Amino acid sequence: MQRSASGSQKKVIRRYVNQPADNGPTIAFDEFGPLEIRPQPGRTWRPMGHPDRQPATYTRPHGVRHWLAFYDVHADRMWGYTRSRKRHQEVLDVLKRLRRRYSPERRLHLILDNFSPHRHRAVRRWCRRNNIHLIWTPTNASWLNPIECHFTPIKRFVLENTDYHGHDELRRALQRYVTYRNQHAREKR
């Protein structure tokens, strides 16, 4: 029984990803993080005998942040919001911001995983009242969420070989990457 349920969920997700819905956009949602302020390893060109050493990080006074990100599948647009936590309150806050981007008459089809803040009663109730259709990815099948493949370039171009001084600097780097990515989004063939 479990196998057929996840199989049907896969078919539903593929249908929304492959074919735009008539009544509104398909949006993928997930969290990226935790984002820490510490030197990140990476690759660099250095003269022989002069390695680029990373400083020690015995204390981490900055805490962590999480990037709650959205991807409009058919418009090929990405955006996100940085939050210090990822409880249901933060999820609800970014969903309200998502809802303001689209007219209230349009139904939003939101692909997301089974993370407990996503399934919170307040989140589900608010989505029902605000014309948001929740499409759950099956357990252990996060690869079905179209936003997942966009996190690898973020790791490569925003995080690798960096040493940000604070979360504001990291947030600005994320915003610059997303702006660049959206301006150079590939044309649909």
Protein backbone atom coordinates (compact mmCIF):
# COMPACT_ATOMS: atom_id res chain seq x y z
CA MET A 1 0.00 0.00 0.00
CA GLN A 2 2.79 2.45 0.86
CA ARG A 3 4.51 1.83 -2.47
CA SER A 4 1.41 2.71 -4.51
CA ALA A 5 0.80 5.87 -2.45
CA SER A 6 4.31 7.20 -3.11
CA GLY A 7 4.02 6.10 -6.75
CA SER A 8 0.85 8.14 -7.16
CA GLN A 9 2.52 11.13 -5.45
CA LYS A 10 5.38 10.89 -7.95
CA LYS A 11 2.92 10.95 -10.84
CA VAL A 12 1.13 13.99 -9.41
CA ILE A 13 4.40 15.89 -8.95
CA ARG A 14 5.61 15.01 -12.43
CA ARG A 15 2.30 16.15 -13.92
CA TYR A 16 2.56 19.57 -12.26
CA VAL A 17 6.24 19.93 -13.18
CA ASN A 18 5.86 18.84 -16.81
CA GLN A 19 2.60 20.63 -17.62
CA PRO A 20 1.57 24.05 -16.24
CA ALA A 21 -1.76 23.98 -14.44
CA ASP A 22 -4.57 26.01 -16.01
CA ASN A 23 -5.51 27.78 -12.79
CA GLY A 24 -2.12 28.89 -11.45
CA PRO A 25 1.65 28.45 -11.18
CA THR A 26 3.60 25.51 -9.79
CA ILE A 27 6.01 26.61 -7.06
CA ALA A 28 8.68 24.44 -5.39
CA PHE A 29 9.63 25.25 -1.79
CA ASP A 30 12.40 24.03 0.51
CA GLU A 31 14.90 25.19 3.11
CA PHE A 32 18.61 25.55 2.46
CA GLY A 33 20.98 25.53 5.39
CA PRO A 34 22.04 25.79 8.08
CA LEU A 35 24.21 28.67 6.89
CA GLU A 36 27.14 29.35 9.18
CA ILE A 37 29.61 32.22 9.27
CA ARG A 38 32.89 30.37 9.02
CA PRO A 39 35.55 29.86 6.35
CA GLN A 40 34.27 27.47 3.70
CA PRO A 41 36.64 25.13 1.86
CA GLY A 42 37.00 25.40 -1.87
CA ARG A 43 39.48 25.53 -4.73
CA THR A 44 41.87 28.32 -5.50
CA TRP A 45 44.98 28.98 -7.57
CA ARG A 46 47.97 29.63 -5.31
CA PRO A 47 51.70 29.80 -6.02
CA MET A 48 53.57 26.59 -5.23
CA GLY A 49 54.61 26.40 -1.61
CA HIS A 50 52.09 29.01 -0.46
CA PRO A 51 48.92 27.18 0.52
CA ASP A 52 45.78 29.18 1.22
CA ARG A 53 45.20 28.24 4.84
CA GLN A 54 41.85 28.53 6.56
CA PRO A 55 41.73 30.28 9.91
CA ALA A 56 40.60 28.32 12.94
CA THR A 57 37.03 28.78 14.13
CA TYR A 58 36.94 27.80 17.77
CA THR A 59 33.94 29.96 18.53
CA ARG A 60 30.99 30.74 16.31
CA PRO A 61 29.29 33.81 17.76
CA HIS A 62 27.06 34.50 14.73
CA GLY A 63 24.71 31.53 15.03
CA VAL A 64 23.10 30.00 11.96
CA ARG A 65 20.54 31.11 9.39
CA HIS A 66 18.31 29.22 7.00
CA TRP A 67 17.34 30.24 3.50
CA LEU A 68 13.67 29.45 2.80
CA ALA A 69 13.61 29.35 -0.99
CA PHE A 70 10.98 29.23 -3.72
CA TYR A 71 11.24 28.28 -7.38
CA ASP A 72 8.49 29.04 -9.91
CA VAL A 73 8.87 25.96 -12.10
CA HIS A 74 7.38 27.23 -15.36
CA ALA A 75 8.49 30.87 -15.10
CA ASP A 76 12.02 29.65 -14.17
CA ARG A 77 12.32 32.20 -11.35
CA MET A 78 13.87 31.71 -7.92
CA TRP A 79 13.78 33.76 -4.71
CA GLY A 80 14.14 33.24 -0.99
CA TYR A 81 14.12 34.69 2.49
CA THR A 82 16.76 34.31 5.20
CA ARG A 83 15.49 33.42 8.66
CA SER A 84 17.23 32.56 11.93
CA ARG A 85 14.95 29.57 12.47
CA LYS A 86 12.69 27.33 10.40
CA ARG A 87 9.71 26.69 12.63
CA HIS A 88 6.12 26.78 11.41
CA GLN A 89 5.96 30.52 12.22
CA GLU A 90 8.77 31.27 9.76
CA VAL A 91 7.27 28.95 7.15
CA LEU A 92 3.92 30.70 7.52
CA ASP A 93 5.60 34.12 7.20
CA VAL A 94 7.34 33.24 3.91
CA LEU A 95 4.17 31.61 2.56
CA LYS A 96 2.33 34.88 3.19
CA ARG A 97 5.05 36.68 1.25
CA LEU A 98 4.66 34.11 -1.55
CA ARG A 99 0.90 34.68 -1.65
CA ARG A 100 1.43 38.45 -2.10
CA ARG A 101 3.49 37.83 -5.25
CA TYR A 102 0.49 36.37 -7.09
CA SER A 103 -3.10 37.54 -7.40
CA PRO A 104 -5.41 35.92 -4.82
CA GLU A 105 -7.63 34.43 -7.56
CA ARG A 106 -4.79 32.30 -8.90
CA ARG A 107 -4.37 28.96 -7.21
CA LEU A 108 -0.78 28.21 -6.20
CA HIS A 109 0.40 24.62 -6.50
CA LEU A 110 3.18 24.27 -3.91
CA ILE A 111 5.56 21.29 -4.00
CA LEU A 112 7.19 20.71 -0.62
CA ASP A 113 8.54 17.93 1.59
CA ASN A 114 7.09 16.40 4.75
CA PHE A 115 9.16 18.47 7.17
CA SER A 116 7.08 18.90 10.35
CA PRO A 117 6.79 22.74 10.19
CA HIS A 118 5.30 22.35 6.70
CA ARG A 119 2.65 19.98 8.03
CA HIS A 120 1.76 22.10 11.05
CA ARG A 121 -1.99 22.60 11.49
CA ALA A 122 -1.73 26.41 11.27
CA VAL A 123 0.23 26.24 8.01
CA ARG A 124 -2.18 23.79 6.37
CA ARG A 125 -5.23 25.78 7.54
CA TRP A 126 -3.78 29.05 6.21
CA CYS A 127 -2.95 27.42 2.85
CA ARG A 128 -6.51 26.07 2.50
CA ARG A 129 -7.97 29.52 3.22
CA ASN A 130 -5.60 31.27 0.80
CA ASN A 131 -5.97 29.10 -2.30
CA ILE A 132 -2.65 27.20 -2.01
CA HIS A 133 -2.67 23.55 -3.06
CA LEU A 134 -0.01 21.59 -1.15
CA ILE A 135 1.70 18.78 -3.07
CA TRP A 136 3.81 16.59 -0.76
CA THR A 137 6.94 14.79 -1.95
CA PRO A 138 7.12 11.18 -0.78
CA THR A 139 9.40 10.35 2.14
CA ASN A 140 12.99 9.78 0.95
CA ALA A 141 12.21 11.27 -2.46
CA SER A 142 13.31 14.87 -2.03
CA TRP A 143 14.86 14.65 -5.50
CA LEU A 144 11.32 15.03 -6.88
CA ASN A 145 11.21 18.62 -5.65
CA PRO A 146 12.44 20.77 -8.57
CA ILE A 147 14.16 23.28 -6.27
CA GLU A 148 16.67 20.71 -5.00
CA CYS A 149 18.80 20.85 -8.16
CA HIS A 150 19.20 24.62 -7.72
CA PHE A 151 20.89 24.28 -4.34
CA THR A 152 24.11 22.76 -5.76
CA PRO A 153 24.98 25.89 -7.81
CA ILE A 154 24.31 27.98 -4.70
CA LYS A 155 26.82 25.89 -2.77
CA ARG A 156 29.32 26.31 -5.57
CA PHE A 157 28.92 29.99 -6.41
CA VAL A 158 27.88 31.48 -3.07
CA LEU A 159 29.45 29.31 -0.37
CA GLU A 160 32.57 27.53 -1.68
CA ASN A 161 35.90 29.18 -0.87
CA THR A 162 34.35 32.07 1.08
CA ASP A 163 34.85 33.72 4.45
CA TYR A 164 31.90 36.05 5.04
CA HIS A 165 32.08 38.43 8.00
CA GLY A 166 28.41 38.26 8.93
CA HIS A 167 25.00 36.99 7.94
CA ASP A 168 24.10 40.26 6.20
CA GLU A 169 27.02 39.79 3.83
CA LEU A 170 25.99 36.19 3.17
CA ARG A 171 22.36 37.24 2.60
CA ARG A 172 23.48 39.88 0.08
CA ALA A 173 25.60 37.27 -1.73
CA LEU A 174 22.56 34.96 -1.95
CA GLN A 175 20.46 37.83 -3.33
CA ARG A 176 23.13 38.75 -5.90
CA TYR A 177 23.33 35.12 -7.06
CA VAL A 178 19.54 34.80 -7.37
CA THR A 179 19.33 38.10 -9.30
CA TYR A 180 22.07 36.93 -11.66
CA ARG A 181 20.49 33.49 -12.02
CA ASN A 182 17.05 34.91 -12.82
CA GLN A 183 18.47 37.36 -15.37
CA HIS A 184 20.32 34.55 -17.12
CA ALA A 185 17.65 31.86 -16.83
CA ARG A 186 17.67 29.46 -19.72
CA GLU A 187 14.99 29.89 -22.32
CA LYS A 188 12.47 27.06 -22.49
CA ARG A 189 12.95 24.92 -25.57
